[in-house]
Amino acid sequence: MDKNGLLEIIAAHRADDDLDEVLKTDKDYQDALEEQKEAFAMLEELDLTAEQKRVVDLAITANNHTGAVYGAVAYRYGMEDGIRLRTEMEKIIHFPQ
């Protein structure tokens, strides 16, 4: 991933506190947290060995990483597509700068 790309530049200017406040009241996120809590409680009840827990953790981590990278690529693609569209529109319609 390009460390100086548009997504990274935008992310660098975002305040984490703002997102944290939004997440505290976002119903979808709070519902997802509750589902996560229940799933981990069920996992704990399985009384897995240390090796089994390591493998489950590895699988969850790999899945989360794939989802995060997918989201970043999709967001960046959308931003690039939006910028490209704006550039094309500027050639047709002169937007104020």
N, C-alpha and C. Protein backbone atom coordinates (compact mmCIF):
# COMPACT_ATOMS: atom_id res chain seq x y z
N MET A 1 0.84 -1.17 0.00
CA MET A 1 0.00 0.00 0.00
C MET A 1 0.88 1.24 0.00
N ASP A 2 0.56 2.22 -0.80
CA ASP A 2 1.33 3.45 -0.91
C ASP A 2 1.14 4.27 0.36
N LYS A 3 2.21 4.45 1.12
CA LYS A 3 2.14 5.17 2.39
C LYS A 3 1.89 6.65 2.21
N ASN A 4 2.07 7.18 0.99
CA ASN A 4 1.82 8.59 0.72
C ASN A 4 0.60 8.77 -0.18
N GLY A 5 -0.23 7.74 -0.26
CA GLY A 5 -1.41 7.80 -1.10
C GLY A 5 -2.50 8.67 -0.51
N LEU A 6 -3.53 8.90 -1.29
CA LEU A 6 -4.63 9.77 -0.89
C LEU A 6 -5.30 9.28 0.39
N LEU A 7 -5.56 7.98 0.48
CA LEU A 7 -6.21 7.44 1.67
C LEU A 7 -5.40 7.74 2.92
N GLU A 8 -4.09 7.55 2.84
CA GLU A 8 -3.23 7.77 3.99
C GLU A 8 -3.17 9.26 4.36
N ILE A 9 -3.17 10.13 3.36
CA ILE A 9 -3.15 11.58 3.61
C ILE A 9 -4.44 12.00 4.31
N ILE A 10 -5.57 11.51 3.82
CA ILE A 10 -6.86 11.84 4.45
C ILE A 10 -6.91 11.30 5.87
N ALA A 11 -6.49 10.05 6.04
CA ALA A 11 -6.52 9.43 7.37
C ALA A 11 -5.64 10.18 8.35
N ALA A 12 -4.53 10.72 7.90
CA ALA A 12 -3.61 11.45 8.78
C ALA A 12 -4.26 12.71 9.33
N HIS A 13 -5.24 13.24 8.63
CA HIS A 13 -5.89 14.49 9.06
C HIS A 13 -7.16 14.25 9.88
N ARG A 14 -7.54 13.01 10.04
CA ARG A 14 -8.72 12.68 10.83
C ARG A 14 -8.35 12.58 12.30
N ALA A 15 -9.21 13.00 13.17
CA ALA A 15 -8.97 12.88 14.61
C ALA A 15 -9.64 11.60 15.10
N ASP A 16 -8.86 10.74 15.75
CA ASP A 16 -9.41 9.49 16.26
C ASP A 16 -10.54 9.72 17.24
N ASP A 17 -10.47 10.80 18.00
CA ASP A 17 -11.50 11.09 18.99
C ASP A 17 -12.86 11.28 18.33
N ASP A 18 -12.90 11.90 17.16
CA ASP A 18 -14.17 12.11 16.45
C ASP A 18 -14.82 10.77 16.12
N LEU A 19 -14.05 9.85 15.58
CA LEU A 19 -14.58 8.54 15.22
C LEU A 19 -15.03 7.79 16.46
N ASP A 20 -14.25 7.84 17.53
CA ASP A 20 -14.63 7.16 18.77
C ASP A 20 -15.99 7.64 19.27
N GLU A 21 -16.23 8.92 19.19
CA GLU A 21 -17.51 9.48 19.64
C GLU A 21 -18.66 9.00 18.76
N VAL A 22 -18.44 8.93 17.47
CA VAL A 22 -19.47 8.45 16.54
C VAL A 22 -19.78 6.99 16.82
N LEU A 23 -18.73 6.17 17.02
CA LEU A 23 -18.91 4.74 17.25
C LEU A 23 -19.69 4.45 18.52
N LYS A 24 -19.54 5.29 19.53
CA LYS A 24 -20.25 5.08 20.80
C LYS A 24 -21.76 5.11 20.62
N THR A 25 -22.23 5.84 19.63
CA THR A 25 -23.67 5.98 19.43
C THR A 25 -24.19 5.32 18.16
N ASP A 26 -23.28 4.70 17.38
CA ASP A 26 -23.70 4.06 16.14
C ASP A 26 -24.31 2.69 16.43
N LYS A 27 -25.59 2.52 16.12
CA LYS A 27 -26.30 1.28 16.43
C LYS A 27 -25.68 0.07 15.74
N ASP A 28 -25.35 0.20 14.47
CA ASP A 28 -24.76 -0.94 13.75
C ASP A 28 -23.45 -1.39 14.40
N TYR A 29 -22.62 -0.43 14.77
CA TYR A 29 -21.34 -0.78 15.41
C TYR A 29 -21.57 -1.39 16.78
N GLN A 30 -22.48 -0.83 17.55
CA GLN A 30 -22.77 -1.36 18.88
C GLN A 30 -23.36 -2.77 18.79
N ASP A 31 -24.21 -3.01 17.80
CA ASP A 31 -24.76 -4.36 17.58
C ASP A 31 -23.64 -5.34 17.22
N ALA A 32 -22.71 -4.89 16.37
CA ALA A 32 -21.59 -5.74 15.98
C ALA A 32 -20.71 -6.07 17.19
N LEU A 33 -20.49 -5.10 18.06
CA LEU A 33 -19.72 -5.35 19.28
C LEU A 33 -20.39 -6.39 20.16
N GLU A 34 -21.70 -6.31 20.26
CA GLU A 34 -22.44 -7.28 21.08
C GLU A 34 -22.32 -8.68 20.49
N GLU A 35 -22.44 -8.79 19.17
CA GLU A 35 -22.28 -10.09 18.51
C GLU A 35 -20.87 -10.63 18.75
N GLN A 36 -19.89 -9.77 18.67
CA GLN A 36 -18.50 -10.17 18.91
C GLN A 36 -18.34 -10.69 20.34
N LYS A 37 -18.90 -9.98 21.29
CA LYS A 37 -18.81 -10.37 22.70
C LYS A 37 -19.43 -11.76 22.90
N GLU A 38 -20.59 -11.99 22.31
CA GLU A 38 -21.26 -13.28 22.44
C GLU A 38 -20.45 -14.39 21.77
N ALA A 39 -19.88 -14.12 20.61
CA ALA A 39 -19.09 -15.13 19.90
C ALA A 39 -17.84 -15.50 20.70
N PHE A 40 -17.18 -14.52 21.27
CA PHE A 40 -15.99 -14.82 22.06
C PHE A 40 -16.33 -15.55 23.35
N ALA A 41 -17.49 -15.26 23.92
CA ALA A 41 -17.93 -16.00 25.10
C ALA A 41 -18.17 -17.47 24.74
N MET A 42 -18.79 -17.72 23.59
CA MET A 42 -19.02 -19.09 23.14
C MET A 42 -17.69 -19.79 22.88
N LEU A 43 -16.76 -19.09 22.30
CA LEU A 43 -15.44 -19.64 22.03
C LEU A 43 -14.74 -20.02 23.33
N GLU A 44 -14.85 -19.18 24.32
CA GLU A 44 -14.22 -19.45 25.62
C GLU A 44 -14.82 -20.70 26.27
N GLU A 45 -16.12 -20.91 26.08
CA GLU A 45 -16.80 -22.08 26.65
C GLU A 45 -16.30 -23.39 26.05
N LEU A 46 -15.68 -23.33 24.88
CA LEU A 46 -15.17 -24.55 24.26
C LEU A 46 -13.96 -25.13 24.98
N ASP A 47 -13.34 -24.32 25.82
CA ASP A 47 -12.19 -24.78 26.62
C ASP A 47 -11.10 -25.38 25.72
N LEU A 48 -10.69 -24.61 24.73
CA LEU A 48 -9.69 -25.07 23.77
C LEU A 48 -8.30 -25.12 24.40
N THR A 49 -7.44 -25.94 23.81
CA THR A 49 -6.05 -25.98 24.24
C THR A 49 -5.35 -24.71 23.77
N ALA A 50 -4.16 -24.45 24.28
CA ALA A 50 -3.40 -23.27 23.88
C ALA A 50 -3.13 -23.28 22.38
N GLU A 51 -2.80 -24.44 21.83
CA GLU A 51 -2.52 -24.55 20.39
C GLU A 51 -3.79 -24.28 19.57
N GLN A 52 -4.92 -24.81 20.02
CA GLN A 52 -6.18 -24.57 19.31
C GLN A 52 -6.54 -23.09 19.36
N LYS A 53 -6.34 -22.45 20.51
CA LYS A 53 -6.61 -21.01 20.63
C LYS A 53 -5.71 -20.22 19.70
N ARG A 54 -4.43 -20.64 19.57
CA ARG A 54 -3.50 -19.95 18.69
C ARG A 54 -3.97 -20.03 17.24
N VAL A 55 -4.44 -21.20 16.82
CA VAL A 55 -4.90 -21.38 15.45
C VAL A 55 -6.18 -20.56 15.20
N VAL A 56 -7.10 -20.57 16.15
CA VAL A 56 -8.32 -19.77 16.01
C VAL A 56 -7.95 -18.29 15.93
N ASP A 57 -7.03 -17.84 16.78
CA ASP A 57 -6.59 -16.45 16.77
C ASP A 57 -5.96 -16.09 15.43
N LEU A 58 -5.13 -16.99 14.90
CA LEU A 58 -4.50 -16.77 13.61
C LEU A 58 -5.54 -16.63 12.50
N ALA A 59 -6.55 -17.49 12.53
CA ALA A 59 -7.61 -17.45 11.51
C ALA A 59 -8.41 -16.15 11.60
N ILE A 60 -8.75 -15.75 12.83
CA ILE A 60 -9.51 -14.51 13.03
C ILE A 60 -8.68 -13.31 12.58
N THR A 61 -7.41 -13.29 12.95
CA THR A 61 -6.52 -12.19 12.57
C THR A 61 -6.37 -12.09 11.06
N ALA A 62 -6.17 -13.23 10.40
CA ALA A 62 -6.04 -13.23 8.94
C ALA A 62 -7.32 -12.74 8.28
N ASN A 63 -8.46 -13.16 8.79
CA ASN A 63 -9.75 -12.73 8.25
C ASN A 63 -9.93 -11.22 8.44
N ASN A 64 -9.63 -10.72 9.62
CA ASN A 64 -9.75 -9.28 9.89
C ASN A 64 -8.82 -8.47 8.99
N HIS A 65 -7.60 -8.96 8.82
CA HIS A 65 -6.63 -8.25 7.99
C HIS A 65 -7.11 -8.18 6.54
N THR A 66 -7.62 -9.29 6.03
CA THR A 66 -8.13 -9.32 4.66
C THR A 66 -9.29 -8.32 4.50
N GLY A 67 -10.20 -8.31 5.47
CA GLY A 67 -11.32 -7.37 5.41
C GLY A 67 -10.87 -5.92 5.47
N ALA A 68 -9.88 -5.64 6.31
CA ALA A 68 -9.36 -4.27 6.43
C ALA A 68 -8.68 -3.83 5.14
N VAL A 69 -7.87 -4.69 4.56
CA VAL A 69 -7.19 -4.35 3.31
C VAL A 69 -8.21 -4.18 2.19
N TYR A 70 -9.20 -5.06 2.14
CA TYR A 70 -10.26 -4.94 1.13
C TYR A 70 -10.95 -3.58 1.26
N GLY A 71 -11.31 -3.22 2.49
CA GLY A 71 -11.98 -1.94 2.71
C GLY A 71 -11.13 -0.76 2.30
N ALA A 72 -9.83 -0.81 2.62
CA ALA A 72 -8.93 0.27 2.25
C ALA A 72 -8.80 0.39 0.73
N VAL A 73 -8.66 -0.74 0.07
CA VAL A 73 -8.54 -0.73 -1.40
C VAL A 73 -9.83 -0.21 -2.03
N ALA A 74 -10.97 -0.68 -1.53
CA ALA A 74 -12.26 -0.24 -2.07
C ALA A 74 -12.46 1.26 -1.85
N TYR A 75 -12.10 1.75 -0.67
CA TYR A 75 -12.24 3.17 -0.36
C TYR A 75 -11.33 3.99 -1.27
N ARG A 76 -10.07 3.55 -1.40
CA ARG A 76 -9.11 4.27 -2.24
C ARG A 76 -9.58 4.27 -3.70
N TYR A 77 -10.09 3.13 -4.17
CA TYR A 77 -10.60 3.04 -5.54
C TYR A 77 -11.75 4.03 -5.73
N GLY A 78 -12.65 4.08 -4.75
CA GLY A 78 -13.78 5.01 -4.82
C GLY A 78 -13.31 6.46 -4.84
N MET A 79 -12.31 6.77 -4.00
CA MET A 79 -11.78 8.13 -3.98
C MET A 79 -11.12 8.47 -5.32
N GLU A 80 -10.31 7.54 -5.83
CA GLU A 80 -9.64 7.78 -7.11
C GLU A 80 -10.66 7.94 -8.23
N ASP A 81 -11.72 7.13 -8.19
CA ASP A 81 -12.76 7.21 -9.19
C ASP A 81 -13.48 8.56 -9.09
N GLY A 82 -13.74 9.00 -7.86
CA GLY A 82 -14.37 10.30 -7.64
C GLY A 82 -13.51 11.45 -8.14
N ILE A 83 -12.22 11.37 -7.88
CA ILE A 83 -11.29 12.40 -8.34
C ILE A 83 -11.23 12.41 -9.86
N ARG A 84 -11.18 11.23 -10.44
CA ARG A 84 -11.14 11.11 -11.91
C ARG A 84 -12.42 11.71 -12.51
N LEU A 85 -13.57 11.42 -11.91
CA LEU A 85 -14.84 11.95 -12.40
C LEU A 85 -14.86 13.47 -12.29
N ARG A 86 -14.39 13.98 -11.15
CA ARG A 86 -14.36 15.43 -10.95
C ARG A 86 -13.46 16.08 -12.01
N THR A 87 -12.31 15.48 -12.28
CA THR A 87 -11.39 16.01 -13.29
C THR A 87 -12.04 16.02 -14.66
N GLU A 88 -12.74 14.95 -14.99
CA GLU A 88 -13.43 14.90 -16.28
C GLU A 88 -14.53 15.95 -16.36
N MET A 89 -15.26 16.13 -15.25
CA MET A 89 -16.33 17.12 -15.23
C MET A 89 -15.78 18.53 -15.34
N GLU A 90 -14.60 18.78 -14.75
CA GLU A 90 -14.00 20.11 -14.84
C GLU A 90 -13.67 20.47 -16.27
N LYS A 91 -13.38 19.47 -17.10
CA LYS A 91 -13.10 19.71 -18.50
C LYS A 91 -14.36 20.15 -19.25
N ILE A 92 -15.51 19.68 -18.75
CA ILE A 92 -16.79 20.00 -19.40
C ILE A 92 -17.42 21.24 -18.78
N ILE A 93 -17.44 21.25 -17.44
CA ILE A 93 -18.06 22.36 -16.69
C ILE A 93 -16.96 22.98 -15.86
N HIS A 94 -16.81 24.26 -15.89
CA HIS A 94 -15.75 24.91 -15.13
C HIS A 94 -16.22 25.15 -13.69
N PHE A 95 -15.81 24.23 -12.78
CA PHE A 95 -16.12 24.37 -11.36
C PHE A 95 -15.26 25.46 -10.75
N PRO A 96 -15.81 26.21 -9.80
CA PRO A 96 -14.96 27.18 -9.11
C PRO A 96 -13.91 26.45 -8.27
N GLN A 97 -12.72 26.97 -8.22
CA GLN A 97 -11.63 26.33 -7.46
C GLN A 97 -11.72 26.62 -6.01
